[in-house]
Structure formats: C-alpha cells, structure tokens
C-alpha cells in the first residue's frame, strides 16, 4: 500500500512539473482580445493567424478575423462562428478596441483558442 501511495505521489509530481513548464494556455476569445487592448496587434496575429481582411484609413486599421465554430448537436448546421473586428492605431500598431459578432447560432464566449502565455 505504501508503494502505491509513493508511486501515485511521484506520478502527480511529474504531471505537475510538465504542466508548469507549458508556454500555452486555452482561453476564451473575449478574454484574449480584451487582454490585448493597448498592446501590439502582433499578439492577436500570433493567436488567430492572418486576418480575413484589413480595412485601412489614414489614422487607423481595422483587422477582421472570422473564427468558425462547429454547431452543437441540436443546432442547425451551416455558416456559424464569431467575427472579430479589432481597431488598431496606424502609427503604433497597438490595439485600440474590438467588437465581437455572433454569426449564425454560435456564441463568441464559447469559442476558445490556444495562445502563448508569458513566462514568469
């Protein structure tokens, strides 16, 4: 019995050590975007890839991403997902604000992505 307890404790410590070194985390899209306000847009490009389109004005850029979402079991199938528009300062390339739009039966709060987190 003592060997079993020691083995399970060692296994838990190995798993925890592996998790603590991870540089990635899964976060909901609204939290990812809210955390990048005031930061360079490159963080969003790393998390979501290249935007679907970029609208250019003299003072700002508007990046648009579409994040497809699979319908839940009872939901009708079709074009569903979350559209994210991010306003970026043209000079500093920093995020000024964002808006999220539900497309179809999806909910942007349910969409999650794996992102790189800062090392401490």
PDB file of N, CA and C in Angstrom:
ATOM      1  N   UNK A   1       0.818  -1.184   0.000  1.00  0.00           N
ATOM      2  CA  UNK A   1       0.000   0.000   0.000  1.00  0.00           C
ATOM      3  C   UNK A   1       0.866   1.254   0.000  1.00  0.00           C
ATOM      4  N   UNK A   2       1.974   1.189   0.737  1.00  0.00           N
ATOM      5  CA  UNK A   2       2.879   2.335   0.791  1.00  0.00           C
ATOM      6  C   UNK A   2       3.521   2.588  -0.562  1.00  0.00           C
ATOM      7  N   UNK A   3       3.850   1.515  -1.287  1.00  0.00           N
ATOM      8  CA  UNK A   3       4.423   1.669  -2.625  1.00  0.00           C
ATOM      9  C   UNK A   3       3.432   2.330  -3.574  1.00  0.00           C
ATOM     10  N   UNK A   4       2.178   1.951  -3.478  1.00  0.00           N
ATOM     11  CA  UNK A   4       1.146   2.541  -4.333  1.00  0.00           C
ATOM     12  C   UNK A   4       0.998   4.036  -4.053  1.00  0.00           C
ATOM     13  N   UNK A   5       1.002   4.416  -2.797  1.00  0.00           N
ATOM     14  CA  UNK A   5       0.903   5.830  -2.431  1.00  0.00           C
ATOM     15  C   UNK A   5       2.121   6.603  -2.921  1.00  0.00           C
ATOM     16  N   UNK A   6       3.309   6.032  -2.779  1.00  0.00           N
ATOM     17  CA  UNK A   6       4.528   6.698  -3.232  1.00  0.00           C
ATOM     18  C   UNK A   6       4.544   6.822  -4.756  1.00  0.00           C
ATOM     19  N   UNK A   7       4.083   5.789  -5.453  1.00  0.00           N
ATOM     20  CA  UNK A   7       4.040   5.821  -6.906  1.00  0.00           C
ATOM     21  C   UNK A   7       3.043   6.869  -7.405  1.00  0.00           C
ATOM     22  N   UNK A   8       1.873   6.931  -6.789  1.00  0.00           N
ATOM     23  CA  UNK A   8       0.869   7.918  -7.222  1.00  0.00           C
ATOM     24  C   UNK A   8       1.339   9.335  -6.918  1.00  0.00           C
ATOM     25  N   UNK A   9       2.009   9.552  -5.810  1.00  0.00           N
ATOM     26  CA  UNK A   9       2.554  10.873  -5.486  1.00  0.00           C
ATOM     27  C   UNK A   9       3.620  11.281  -6.493  1.00  0.00           C
ATOM     28  N   UNK A  10       4.484  10.362  -6.859  1.00  0.00           N
ATOM     29  CA  UNK A  10       5.523  10.646  -7.852  1.00  0.00           C
ATOM     30  C   UNK A  10       4.905  10.967  -9.200  1.00  0.00           C
ATOM     31  N   UNK A  11       3.870  10.242  -9.577  1.00  0.00           N
ATOM     32  CA  UNK A  11       3.196  10.487 -10.854  1.00  0.00           C
ATOM     33  C   UNK A  11       2.554  11.877 -10.871  1.00  0.00           C
ATOM     34  N   UNK A  12       1.908  12.258  -9.785  1.00  0.00           N
ATOM     35  CA  UNK A  12       1.291  13.596  -9.693  1.00  0.00           C
ATOM     36  C   UNK A  12       2.363  14.676  -9.802  1.00  0.00           C
ATOM     37  N   UNK A  13       3.494  14.501  -9.160  1.00  0.00           N
ATOM     38  CA  UNK A  13       4.563  15.496  -9.226  1.00  0.00           C
ATOM     39  C   UNK A  13       5.120  15.626 -10.640  1.00  0.00           C
ATOM     40  N   UNK A  14       5.250  14.507 -11.360  1.00  0.00           N
ATOM     41  CA  UNK A  14       5.741  14.553 -12.740  1.00  0.00           C
ATOM     42  C   UNK A  14       4.754  15.298 -13.635  1.00  0.00           C
ATOM     43  N   UNK A  15       3.471  15.021 -13.462  1.00  0.00           N
ATOM     44  CA  UNK A  15       2.448  15.696 -14.269  1.00  0.00           C
ATOM     45  C   UNK A  15       2.445  17.194 -13.970  1.00  0.00           C
ATOM     46  N   UNK A  16       2.509  17.573 -12.709  1.00  0.00           N
ATOM     47  CA  UNK A  16       2.524  18.992 -12.352  1.00  0.00           C
ATOM     48  C   UNK A  16       3.772  19.695 -12.865  1.00  0.00           C
ATOM     49  N   UNK A  17       4.883  19.024 -12.840  1.00  0.00           N
ATOM     50  CA  UNK A  17       6.117  19.622 -13.365  1.00  0.00           C
ATOM     51  C   UNK A  17       6.000  19.854 -14.866  1.00  0.00           C
ATOM     52  N   UNK A  18       5.381  18.933 -15.567  1.00  0.00           N
ATOM     53  CA  UNK A  18       5.182  19.091 -17.006  1.00  0.00           C
ATOM     54  C   UNK A  18       4.246  20.233 -17.330  1.00  0.00           C
ATOM     55  N   UNK A  19       3.202  20.420 -16.530  1.00  0.00           N
ATOM     56  CA  UNK A  19       2.238  21.495 -16.777  1.00  0.00           C
ATOM     57  C   UNK A  19       2.814  22.865 -16.450  1.00  0.00           C
ATOM     58  N   UNK A  20       3.666  22.941 -15.457  1.00  0.00           N
ATOM     59  CA  UNK A  20       4.191  24.249 -15.057  1.00  0.00           C
ATOM     60  C   UNK A  20       5.140  24.822 -16.097  1.00  0.00           C
ATOM     61  N   UNK A  21       5.739  23.999 -16.913  1.00  0.00           N
ATOM     62  CA  UNK A  21       6.657  24.476 -17.937  1.00  0.00           C
ATOM     63  C   UNK A  21       5.978  24.827 -19.243  1.00  0.00           C
ATOM     64  N   UNK A  22       4.682  24.622 -19.332  1.00  0.00           N
ATOM     65  CA  UNK A  22       3.957  24.887 -20.569  1.00  0.00           C
ATOM     66  C   UNK A  22       3.906  26.380 -20.847  1.00  0.00           C
ATOM     67  N   UNK A  23       4.108  26.734 -22.106  1.00  0.00           N
ATOM     68  CA  UNK A  23       4.058  28.135 -22.502  1.00  0.00           C
ATOM     69  C   UNK A  23       2.724  28.485 -23.146  1.00  0.00           C
ATOM     70  N   UNK A  24       1.774  27.555 -23.161  1.00  0.00           N
ATOM     71  CA  UNK A  24       0.493  27.766 -23.816  1.00  0.00           C
ATOM     72  C   UNK A  24      -0.652  27.561 -22.835  1.00  0.00           C
ATOM     73  N   UNK A  25      -1.770  28.240 -23.114  1.00  0.00           N
ATOM     74  CA  UNK A  25      -2.985  28.091 -22.320  1.00  0.00           C
ATOM     75  C   UNK A  25      -4.187  28.245 -23.242  1.00  0.00           C
ATOM     76  N   UNK A  26      -5.304  27.651 -22.867  1.00  0.00           N
ATOM     77  CA  UNK A  26      -6.536  27.789 -23.633  1.00  0.00           C
ATOM     78  C   UNK A  26      -7.376  28.867 -22.962  1.00  0.00           C
ATOM     79  N   UNK A  27      -7.758  29.867 -23.739  1.00  0.00           N
ATOM     80  CA  UNK A  27      -8.530  30.997 -23.219  1.00  0.00           C
ATOM     81  C   UNK A  27      -9.719  31.276 -24.132  1.00  0.00           C
ATOM     82  N   UNK A  28     -10.822  31.809 -23.574  1.00  0.00           N
ATOM     83  CA  UNK A  28     -11.936  32.224 -24.435  1.00  0.00           C
ATOM     84  C   UNK A  28     -11.550  33.457 -25.250  1.00  0.00           C
ATOM     85  N   UNK A  29     -12.111  33.558 -26.451  1.00  0.00           N
ATOM     86  CA  UNK A  29     -11.774  34.657 -27.361  1.00  0.00           C
ATOM     87  C   UNK A  29     -12.008  36.034 -26.732  1.00  0.00           C
ATOM     88  N   UNK A  30     -13.145  36.295 -26.057  1.00  0.00           N
ATOM     89  CA  UNK A  30     -13.331  37.637 -25.484  1.00  0.00           C
ATOM     90  C   UNK A  30     -12.221  38.037 -24.506  1.00  0.00           C
ATOM     91  N   UNK A  31     -11.738  37.070 -23.742  1.00  0.00           N
ATOM     92  CA  UNK A  31     -10.661  37.381 -22.792  1.00  0.00           C
ATOM     93  C   UNK A  31      -9.342  37.665 -23.509  1.00  0.00           C
ATOM     94  N   UNK A  32      -9.056  36.885 -24.562  1.00  0.00           N
ATOM     95  CA  UNK A  32      -7.823  37.095 -25.321  1.00  0.00           C
ATOM     96  C   UNK A  32      -7.799  38.503 -25.899  1.00  0.00           C
ATOM     97  N   UNK A  33      -8.909  38.899 -26.520  1.00  0.00           N
ATOM     98  CA  UNK A  33      -8.955  40.207 -27.171  1.00  0.00           C
ATOM     99  C   UNK A  33      -8.934  41.328 -26.133  1.00  0.00           C
ATOM    100  N   UNK A  34      -9.667  41.174 -25.055  1.00  0.00           N
ATOM    101  CA  UNK A  34      -9.688  42.211 -24.019  1.00  0.00           C
ATOM    102  C   UNK A  34      -8.296  42.407 -23.408  1.00  0.00           C
ATOM    103  N   UNK A  35      -7.552  41.331 -23.260  1.00  0.00           N
ATOM    104  CA  UNK A  35      -6.205  41.425 -22.684  1.00  0.00           C
ATOM    105  C   UNK A  35      -5.201  42.087 -23.625  1.00  0.00           C
ATOM    106  N   UNK A  36      -5.510  42.179 -24.922  1.00  0.00           N
ATOM    107  CA  UNK A  36      -4.560  42.767 -25.870  1.00  0.00           C
ATOM    108  C   UNK A  36      -4.810  44.245 -26.147  1.00  0.00           C
ATOM    109  N   UNK A  37      -5.865  44.835 -25.564  1.00  0.00           N
ATOM    110  CA  UNK A  37      -6.104  46.268 -25.771  1.00  0.00           C
ATOM    111  C   UNK A  37      -4.920  47.047 -25.204  1.00  0.00           C
ATOM    112  N   UNK A  38      -4.343  47.927 -26.023  1.00  0.00           N
ATOM    113  CA  UNK A  38      -3.174  48.700 -25.637  1.00  0.00           C
ATOM    114  C   UNK A  38      -1.853  48.016 -25.958  1.00  0.00           C
ATOM    115  N   UNK A  39      -1.918  46.794 -26.446  1.00  0.00           N
ATOM    116  CA  UNK A  39      -0.707  46.034 -26.788  1.00  0.00           C
ATOM    117  C   UNK A  39      -0.587  45.918 -28.307  1.00  0.00           C
ATOM    118  N   UNK A  40       0.560  45.502 -28.818  1.00  0.00           N
ATOM    119  CA  UNK A  40       0.742  45.355 -30.271  1.00  0.00           C
ATOM    120  C   UNK A  40      -0.220  44.318 -30.862  1.00  0.00           C
ATOM    121  N   UNK A  41      -0.682  44.586 -32.069  1.00  0.00           N
ATOM    122  CA  UNK A  41      -1.611  43.692 -32.755  1.00  0.00           C
ATOM    123  C   UNK A  41      -0.949  42.364 -33.115  1.00  0.00           C
ATOM    124  N   UNK A  42       0.350  42.304 -33.087  1.00  0.00           N
ATOM    125  CA  UNK A  42       1.059  41.063 -33.420  1.00  0.00           C
ATOM    126  C   UNK A  42       0.684  39.925 -32.474  1.00  0.00           C
ATOM    127  N   UNK A  43       0.279  40.245 -31.240  1.00  0.00           N
ATOM    128  CA  UNK A  43      -0.144  39.197 -30.309  1.00  0.00           C
ATOM    129  C   UNK A  43      -1.411  38.511 -30.820  1.00  0.00           C
ATOM    130  N   UNK A  44      -2.323  39.281 -31.400  1.00  0.00           N
ATOM    131  CA  UNK A  44      -3.545  38.696 -31.968  1.00  0.00           C
ATOM    132  C   UNK A  44      -3.237  37.917 -33.239  1.00  0.00           C
ATOM    133  N   UNK A  45      -2.305  38.430 -34.034  1.00  0.00           N
ATOM    134  CA  UNK A  45      -1.936  37.712 -35.250  1.00  0.00           C
ATOM    135  C   UNK A  45      -1.302  36.367 -34.904  1.00  0.00           C
ATOM    136  N   UNK A  46      -0.559  36.311 -33.824  1.00  0.00           N
ATOM    137  CA  UNK A  46       0.036  35.047 -33.394  1.00  0.00           C
ATOM    138  C   UNK A  46      -1.037  34.079 -32.910  1.00  0.00           C
ATOM    139  N   UNK A  47      -2.060  34.596 -32.220  1.00  0.00           N
ATOM    140  CA  UNK A  47      -3.110  33.741 -31.672  1.00  0.00           C
ATOM    141  C   UNK A  47      -4.104  33.268 -32.727  1.00  0.00           C
ATOM    142  N   UNK A  48      -4.442  34.133 -33.692  1.00  0.00           N
ATOM    143  CA  UNK A  48      -5.511  33.825 -34.642  1.00  0.00           C
ATOM    144  C   UNK A  48      -5.047  33.685 -36.087  1.00  0.00           C
ATOM    145  N   UNK A  49      -3.779  33.910 -36.361  1.00  0.00           N
ATOM    146  CA  UNK A  49      -3.288  33.826 -37.733  1.00  0.00           C
ATOM    147  C   UNK A  49      -3.542  35.121 -38.479  1.00  0.00           C
ATOM    148  N   UNK A  50      -3.412  35.062 -39.791  1.00  0.00           N
ATOM    149  CA  UNK A  50      -3.618  36.260 -40.605  1.00  0.00           C
ATOM    150  C   UNK A  50      -5.103  36.631 -40.634  1.00  0.00           C
ATOM    151  N   UNK A  51      -5.423  37.919 -40.583  1.00  0.00           N
ATOM    152  CA  UNK A  51      -6.828  38.322 -40.619  1.00  0.00           C
ATOM    153  C   UNK A  51      -7.462  38.060 -41.988  1.00  0.00           C
ATOM    154  N   UNK A  52      -8.784  37.961 -41.984  1.00  0.00           N
ATOM    155  CA  UNK A  52      -9.531  37.755 -43.225  1.00  0.00           C
ATOM    156  C   UNK A  52      -9.417  38.988 -44.107  1.00  0.00           C
ATOM    157  N   UNK A  53      -9.449  40.181 -43.507  1.00  0.00           N
ATOM    158  CA  UNK A  53      -9.251  41.415 -44.264  1.00  0.00           C
ATOM    159  C   UNK A  53      -8.753  42.504 -43.326  1.00  0.00           C
ATOM    160  N   UNK A  54      -8.146  43.539 -43.939  1.00  0.00           N
ATOM    161  CA  UNK A  54      -7.679  44.705 -43.200  1.00  0.00           C
ATOM    162  C   UNK A  54      -8.192  45.939 -43.931  1.00  0.00           C
ATOM    163  N   UNK A  55      -9.030  46.726 -43.250  1.00  0.00           N
ATOM    164  CA  UNK A  55      -9.503  47.994 -43.805  1.00  0.00           C
ATOM    165  C   UNK A  55      -8.548  49.086 -43.344  1.00  0.00           C
ATOM    166  N   UNK A  56      -8.118  49.943 -44.279  1.00  0.00           N
ATOM    167  CA  UNK A  56      -7.125  50.969 -43.976  1.00  0.00           C
ATOM    168  C   UNK A  56      -7.757  52.347 -44.070  1.00  0.00           C
ATOM    169  N   UNK A  57      -7.559  53.174 -43.027  1.00  0.00           N
ATOM    170  CA  UNK A  57      -7.934  54.586 -43.048  1.00  0.00           C
ATOM    171  C   UNK A  57      -6.674  55.371 -42.706  1.00  0.00           C
ATOM    172  N   UNK A  58      -6.700  56.701 -42.837  1.00  0.00           N
ATOM    173  CA  UNK A  58      -5.485  57.473 -42.534  1.00  0.00           C
ATOM    174  C   UNK A  58      -4.986  57.341 -41.090  1.00  0.00           C
ATOM    175  N   UNK A  59      -5.896  57.140 -40.135  1.00  0.00           N
ATOM    176  CA  UNK A  59      -5.477  57.127 -38.737  1.00  0.00           C
ATOM    177  C   UNK A  59      -5.553  55.769 -38.061  1.00  0.00           C
ATOM    178  N   UNK A  60      -6.282  54.828 -38.659  1.00  0.00           N
ATOM    179  CA  UNK A  60      -6.428  53.530 -38.004  1.00  0.00           C
ATOM    180  C   UNK A  60      -6.570  52.411 -39.025  1.00  0.00           C
ATOM    181  N   UNK A  61      -6.357  51.192 -38.540  1.00  0.00           N
ATOM    182  CA  UNK A  61      -6.533  49.979 -39.326  1.00  0.00           C
ATOM    183  C   UNK A  61      -7.609  49.150 -38.634  1.00  0.00           C
ATOM    184  N   UNK A  62      -8.435  48.479 -39.415  1.00  0.00           N
ATOM    185  CA  UNK A  62      -9.434  47.595 -38.833  1.00  0.00           C
ATOM    186  C   UNK A  62      -9.158  46.185 -39.330  1.00  0.00           C
ATOM    187  N   UNK A  63      -8.723  45.335 -38.420  1.00  0.00           N
ATOM    188  CA  UNK A  63      -8.435  43.934 -38.718  1.00  0.00           C
ATOM    189  C   UNK A  63      -9.706  43.128 -38.470  1.00  0.00           C
ATOM    190  N   UNK A  64     -10.031  42.214 -39.384  1.00  0.00           N
ATOM    191  CA  UNK A  64     -11.222  41.384 -39.241  1.00  0.00           C
ATOM    192  C   UNK A  64     -10.822  39.915 -39.322  1.00  0.00           C
ATOM    193  N   UNK A  65     -11.197  39.165 -38.304  1.00  0.00           N
ATOM    194  CA  UNK A  65     -10.985  37.723 -38.274  1.00  0.00           C
ATOM    195  C   UNK A  65     -12.338  37.034 -38.214  1.00  0.00           C
ATOM    196  N   UNK A  66     -12.473  35.911 -38.897  1.00  0.00           N
ATOM    197  CA  UNK A  66     -13.644  35.050 -38.727  1.00  0.00           C
ATOM    198  C   UNK A  66     -13.168  33.767 -38.077  1.00  0.00           C
ATOM    199  N   UNK A  67     -13.797  33.413 -36.967  1.00  0.00           N
ATOM    200  CA  UNK A  67     -13.431  32.215 -36.226  1.00  0.00           C
ATOM    201  C   UNK A  67     -14.568  31.208 -36.354  1.00  0.00           C
ATOM    202  N   UNK A  68     -14.424  30.207 -37.223  1.00  0.00           N
ATOM    203  CA  UNK A  68     -15.512  29.239 -37.417  1.00  0.00           C
ATOM    204  C   UNK A  68     -15.755  28.422 -36.163  1.00  0.00           C
ATOM    205  N   UNK A  69     -17.015  28.062 -35.970  1.00  0.00           N
ATOM    206  CA  UNK A  69     -17.385  27.265 -34.811  1.00  0.00           C
ATOM    207  C   UNK A  69     -18.304  26.143 -35.266  1.00  0.00           C
ATOM    208  N   UNK A  70     -18.041  24.950 -34.806  1.00  0.00           N
ATOM    209  CA  UNK A  70     -18.899  23.815 -35.155  1.00  0.00           C
ATOM    210  C   UNK A  70     -20.194  23.914 -34.351  1.00  0.00           C
ATOM    211  N   UNK A  71     -21.325  23.620 -34.986  1.00  0.00           N
ATOM    212  CA  UNK A  71     -22.595  23.691 -34.264  1.00  0.00           C
ATOM    213  C   UNK A  71     -22.695  22.593 -33.216  1.00  0.00           C
ATOM    214  N   UNK A  72     -23.435  22.879 -32.151  1.00  0.00           N
ATOM    215  CA  UNK A  72     -23.679  21.858 -31.134  1.00  0.00           C
ATOM    216  C   UNK A  72     -24.643  20.828 -31.698  1.00  0.00           C
ATOM    217  N   UNK A  73     -24.820  19.740 -31.022  1.00  0.00           N
ATOM    218  CA  UNK A  73     -25.604  18.610 -31.532  1.00  0.00           C
ATOM    219  C   UNK A  73     -26.996  19.007 -32.018  1.00  0.00           C
ATOM    220  N   UNK A  74     -27.715  19.808 -31.259  1.00  0.00           N
ATOM    221  CA  UNK A  74     -29.101  20.132 -31.609  1.00  0.00           C
ATOM    222  C   UNK A  74     -29.208  21.351 -32.527  1.00  0.00           C
ATOM    223  N   UNK A  75     -28.126  22.049 -32.749  1.00  0.00           N
ATOM    224  CA  UNK A  75     -28.164  23.255 -33.560  1.00  0.00           C
ATOM    225  C   UNK A  75     -28.220  22.914 -35.045  1.00  0.00           C
ATOM    226  N   UNK A  76     -28.845  23.779 -35.822  1.00  0.00           N
ATOM    227  CA  UNK A  76     -28.814  23.555 -37.269  1.00  0.00           C
ATOM    228  C   UNK A  76     -27.407  23.780 -37.811  1.00  0.00           C
ATOM    229  N   UNK A  77     -27.047  23.058 -38.848  1.00  0.00           N
ATOM    230  CA  UNK A  77     -25.715  23.215 -39.415  1.00  0.00           C
ATOM    231  C   UNK A  77     -25.714  24.381 -40.390  1.00  0.00           C
ATOM    232  N   UNK A  78     -24.549  24.820 -40.773  1.00  0.00           N
ATOM    233  CA  UNK A  78     -24.412  25.928 -41.712  1.00  0.00           C
ATOM    234  C   UNK A  78     -23.246  26.819 -41.327  1.00  0.00           C
ATOM    235  N   UNK A  79     -23.273  28.032 -41.817  1.00  0.00           N
ATOM    236  CA  UNK A  79     -22.208  29.010 -41.598  1.00  0.00           C
ATOM    237  C   UNK A  79     -22.348  29.596 -40.202  1.00  0.00           C
ATOM    238  N   UNK A  80     -21.481  29.185 -39.289  1.00  0.00           N
ATOM    239  CA  UNK A  80     -21.554  29.652 -37.913  1.00  0.00           C
ATOM    240  C   UNK A  80     -20.162  29.998 -37.424  1.00  0.00           C
ATOM    241  N   UNK A  81     -20.087  30.975 -36.536  1.00  0.00           N
ATOM    242  CA  UNK A  81     -18.814  31.345 -35.958  1.00  0.00           C
ATOM    243  C   UNK A  81     -18.874  32.693 -35.283  1.00  0.00           C
ATOM    244  N   UNK A  82     -17.727  33.269 -35.118  1.00  0.00           N
ATOM    245  CA  UNK A  82     -17.588  34.544 -34.434  1.00  0.00           C
ATOM    246  C   UNK A  82     -16.733  35.457 -35.315  1.00  0.00           C
ATOM    247  N   UNK A  83     -17.232  36.666 -35.566  1.00  0.00           N
ATOM    248  CA  UNK A  83     -16.436  37.633 -36.317  1.00  0.00           C
ATOM    249  C   UNK A  83     -15.876  38.646 -35.326  1.00  0.00           C
ATOM    250  N   UNK A  84     -14.595  38.892 -35.441  1.00  0.00           N
ATOM    251  CA  UNK A  84     -13.903  39.788 -34.530  1.00  0.00           C
ATOM    252  C   UNK A  84     -13.320  40.945 -35.327  1.00  0.00           C
ATOM    253  N   UNK A  85     -13.717  42.163 -34.985  1.00  0.00           N
ATOM    254  CA  UNK A  85     -13.143  43.369 -35.599  1.00  0.00           C
ATOM    255  C   UNK A  85     -12.292  44.069 -34.559  1.00  0.00           C
ATOM    256  N   UNK A  86     -11.055  44.341 -34.919  1.00  0.00           N
ATOM    257  CA  UNK A  86     -10.110  44.964 -33.994  1.00  0.00           C
ATOM    258  C   UNK A  86      -9.610  46.265 -34.612  1.00  0.00           C
ATOM    259  N   UNK A  87      -9.752  47.363 -33.884  1.00  0.00           N
ATOM    260  CA  UNK A  87      -9.275  48.662 -34.338  1.00  0.00           C
ATOM    261  C   UNK A  87      -7.861  48.870 -33.819  1.00  0.00           C
ATOM    262  N   UNK A  88      -6.959  49.236 -34.742  1.00  0.00           N
ATOM    263  CA  UNK A  88      -5.539  49.364 -34.422  1.00  0.00           C
ATOM    264  C   UNK A  88      -5.052  50.745 -34.837  1.00  0.00           C
ATOM    265  N   UNK A  89      -4.236  51.369 -33.994  1.00  0.00           N
ATOM    266  CA  UNK A  89      -3.630  52.657 -34.336  1.00  0.00           C
ATOM    267  C   UNK A  89      -2.644  52.448 -35.487  1.00  0.00           C
ATOM    268  N   UNK A  90      -2.755  53.294 -36.527  1.00  0.00           N
ATOM    269  CA  UNK A  90      -1.925  53.108 -37.728  1.00  0.00           C
ATOM    270  C   UNK A  90      -0.444  53.340 -37.447  1.00  0.00           C
ATOM    271  N   UNK A  91      -0.120  54.251 -36.548  1.00  0.00           N
ATOM    272  CA  UNK A  91       1.301  54.542 -36.267  1.00  0.00           C
ATOM    273  C   UNK A  91       1.940  53.537 -35.321  1.00  0.00           C
ATOM    274  N   UNK A  92       1.305  53.324 -34.191  1.00  0.00           N
ATOM    275  CA  UNK A  92       1.931  52.495 -33.153  1.00  0.00           C
ATOM    276  C   UNK A  92       1.646  51.001 -33.310  1.00  0.00           C
ATOM    277  N   UNK A  93       0.651  50.631 -34.142  1.00  0.00           N
ATOM    278  CA  UNK A  93       0.248  49.237 -34.329  1.00  0.00           C
ATOM    279  C   UNK A  93      -0.259  48.614 -33.033  1.00  0.00           C
ATOM    280  N   UNK A  94      -0.851  49.452 -32.158  1.00  0.00           N
ATOM    281  CA  UNK A  94      -1.408  48.963 -30.893  1.00  0.00           C
ATOM    282  C   UNK A  94      -2.928  48.885 -30.998  1.00  0.00           C
ATOM    283  N   UNK A  95      -3.502  47.903 -30.311  1.00  0.00           N
ATOM    284  CA  UNK A  95      -4.948  47.680 -30.347  1.00  0.00           C
ATOM    285  C   UNK A  95      -5.653  48.787 -29.560  1.00  0.00           C
ATOM    286  N   UNK A  96      -6.639  49.423 -30.213  1.00  0.00           N
ATOM    287  CA  UNK A  96      -7.417  50.481 -29.568  1.00  0.00           C
ATOM    288  C   UNK A  96      -8.725  49.946 -28.995  1.00  0.00           C
ATOM    289  N   UNK A  97      -9.333  48.994 -29.673  1.00  0.00           N
ATOM    290  CA  UNK A  97     -10.603  48.437 -29.235  1.00  0.00           C
ATOM    291  C   UNK A  97     -11.002  47.272 -30.116  1.00  0.00           C
ATOM    292  N   UNK A  98     -12.150  46.673 -29.809  1.00  0.00           N
ATOM    293  CA  UNK A  98     -12.588  45.498 -30.560  1.00  0.00           C
ATOM    294  C   UNK A  98     -14.107  45.361 -30.472  1.00  0.00           C
ATOM    295  N   UNK A  99     -14.657  44.560 -31.375  1.00  0.00           N
ATOM    296  CA  UNK A  99     -16.063  44.161 -31.278  1.00  0.00           C
ATOM    297  C   UNK A  99     -16.174  42.713 -31.740  1.00  0.00           C
ATOM    298  N   UNK A 100     -17.072  41.981 -31.120  1.00  0.00           N
ATOM    299  CA  UNK A 100     -17.316  40.582 -31.454  1.00  0.00           C
ATOM    300  C   UNK A 100     -18.753  40.440 -31.926  1.00  0.00           C
ATOM    301  N   UNK A 101     -18.953  39.702 -33.007  1.00  0.00           N
ATOM    302  CA  UNK A 101     -20.296  39.482 -33.552  1.00  0.00           C
ATOM    303  C   UNK A 101     -20.541  37.988 -33.704  1.00  0.00           C
ATOM    304  N   UNK A 102     -21.675  37.531 -33.183  1.00  0.00           N
ATOM    305  CA  UNK A 102     -22.075  36.135 -33.351  1.00  0.00           C
ATOM    306  C   UNK A 102     -22.630  35.955 -34.754  1.00  0.00           C
ATOM    307  N   UNK A 103     -22.183  34.934 -35.444  1.00  0.00           N
ATOM    308  CA  UNK A 103     -22.677  34.603 -36.778  1.00  0.00           C
ATOM    309  C   UNK A 103     -23.424  33.272 -36.668  1.00  0.00           C
ATOM    310  N   UNK A 104     -24.682  33.239 -37.122  1.00  0.00           N
ATOM    311  CA  UNK A 104     -25.482  32.028 -37.019  1.00  0.00           C
ATOM    312  C   UNK A 104     -25.883  31.794 -35.576  1.00  0.00           C
ATOM    313  N   UNK A 105     -25.852  30.546 -35.159  1.00  0.00           N
ATOM    314  CA  UNK A 105     -26.271  30.160 -33.809  1.00  0.00           C
ATOM    315  C   UNK A 105     -25.110  30.118 -32.829  1.00  0.00           C
ATOM    316  N   UNK A 106     -23.969  30.587 -33.223  1.00  0.00           N
ATOM    317  CA  UNK A 106     -22.793  30.476 -32.351  1.00  0.00           C
ATOM    318  C   UNK A 106     -22.803  31.554 -31.272  1.00  0.00           C
ATOM    319  N   UNK A 107     -21.922  31.374 -30.313  1.00  0.00           N
ATOM    320  CA  UNK A 107     -21.755  32.335 -29.230  1.00  0.00           C
ATOM    321  C   UNK A 107     -20.261  32.586 -29.080  1.00  0.00           C
ATOM    322  N   UNK A 108     -19.836  33.835 -29.269  1.00  0.00           N
ATOM    323  CA  UNK A 108     -18.397  34.156 -29.220  1.00  0.00           C
ATOM    324  C   UNK A 108     -17.769  33.806 -27.876  1.00  0.00           C
ATOM    325  N   UNK A 109     -18.537  33.834 -26.812  1.00  0.00           N
ATOM    326  CA  UNK A 109     -17.997  33.492 -25.500  1.00  0.00           C
ATOM    327  C   UNK A 109     -17.613  32.032 -25.378  1.00  0.00           C
ATOM    328  N   UNK A 110     -18.182  31.188 -26.251  1.00  0.00           N
ATOM    329  CA  UNK A 110     -17.878  29.760 -26.212  1.00  0.00           C
ATOM    330  C   UNK A 110     -16.648  29.384 -27.035  1.00  0.00           C
ATOM    331  N   UNK A 111     -16.183  30.276 -27.900  1.00  0.00           N
ATOM    332  CA  UNK A 111     -15.049  29.980 -28.772  1.00  0.00           C
ATOM    333  C   UNK A 111     -13.763  30.149 -27.969  1.00  0.00           C
ATOM    334  N   UNK A 112     -12.882  29.156 -28.032  1.00  0.00           N
ATOM    335  CA  UNK A 112     -11.621  29.212 -27.307  1.00  0.00           C
ATOM    336  C   UNK A 112     -10.466  28.982 -28.266  1.00  0.00           C
ATOM    337  N   UNK A 113      -9.322  29.536 -27.915  1.00  0.00           N
ATOM    338  CA  UNK A 113      -8.110  29.339 -28.703  1.00  0.00           C
ATOM    339  C   UNK A 113      -6.942  29.094 -27.758  1.00  0.00           C
ATOM    340  N   UNK A 114      -5.968  28.375 -28.268  1.00  0.00           N
ATOM    341  CA  UNK A 114      -4.725  28.112 -27.538  1.00  0.00           C
ATOM    342  C   UNK A 114      -3.775  29.260 -27.850  1.00  0.00           C
ATOM    343  N   UNK A 115      -3.277  29.917 -26.812  1.00  0.00           N
ATOM    344  CA  UNK A 115      -2.378  31.056 -27.001  1.00  0.00           C
ATOM    345  C   UNK A 115      -1.103  30.862 -26.197  1.00  0.00           C
ATOM    346  N   UNK A 116      -0.079  31.578 -26.632  1.00  0.00           N
ATOM    347  CA  UNK A 116       1.190  31.570 -25.902  1.00  0.00           C
ATOM    348  C   UNK A 116       1.072  32.545 -24.734  1.00  0.00           C
ATOM    349  N   UNK A 117       1.468  32.100 -23.557  1.00  0.00           N
ATOM    350  CA  UNK A 117       1.433  32.958 -22.377  1.00  0.00           C
ATOM    351  C   UNK A 117       2.850  33.333 -21.993  1.00  0.00           C
ATOM    352  N   UNK A 118       2.986  34.439 -21.318  1.00  0.00           N
ATOM    353  CA  UNK A 118       4.315  34.950 -20.936  1.00  0.00           C
ATOM    354  C   UNK A 118       4.918  34.065 -19.850  1.00  0.00           C
ATOM    355  N   UNK A 119       6.213  33.893 -19.914  1.00  0.00           N
ATOM    356  CA  UNK A 119       6.945  33.165 -18.876  1.00  0.00           C
ATOM    357  C   UNK A 119       7.145  34.060 -17.671  1.00  0.00           C
ATOM    358  N   UNK A 120       7.093  33.490 -16.481  1.00  0.00           N
ATOM    359  CA  UNK A 120       7.304  34.289 -15.263  1.00  0.00           C
ATOM    360  C   UNK A 120       8.680  34.054 -14.720  1.00  0.00           C
TER     361      UNK A 120
END
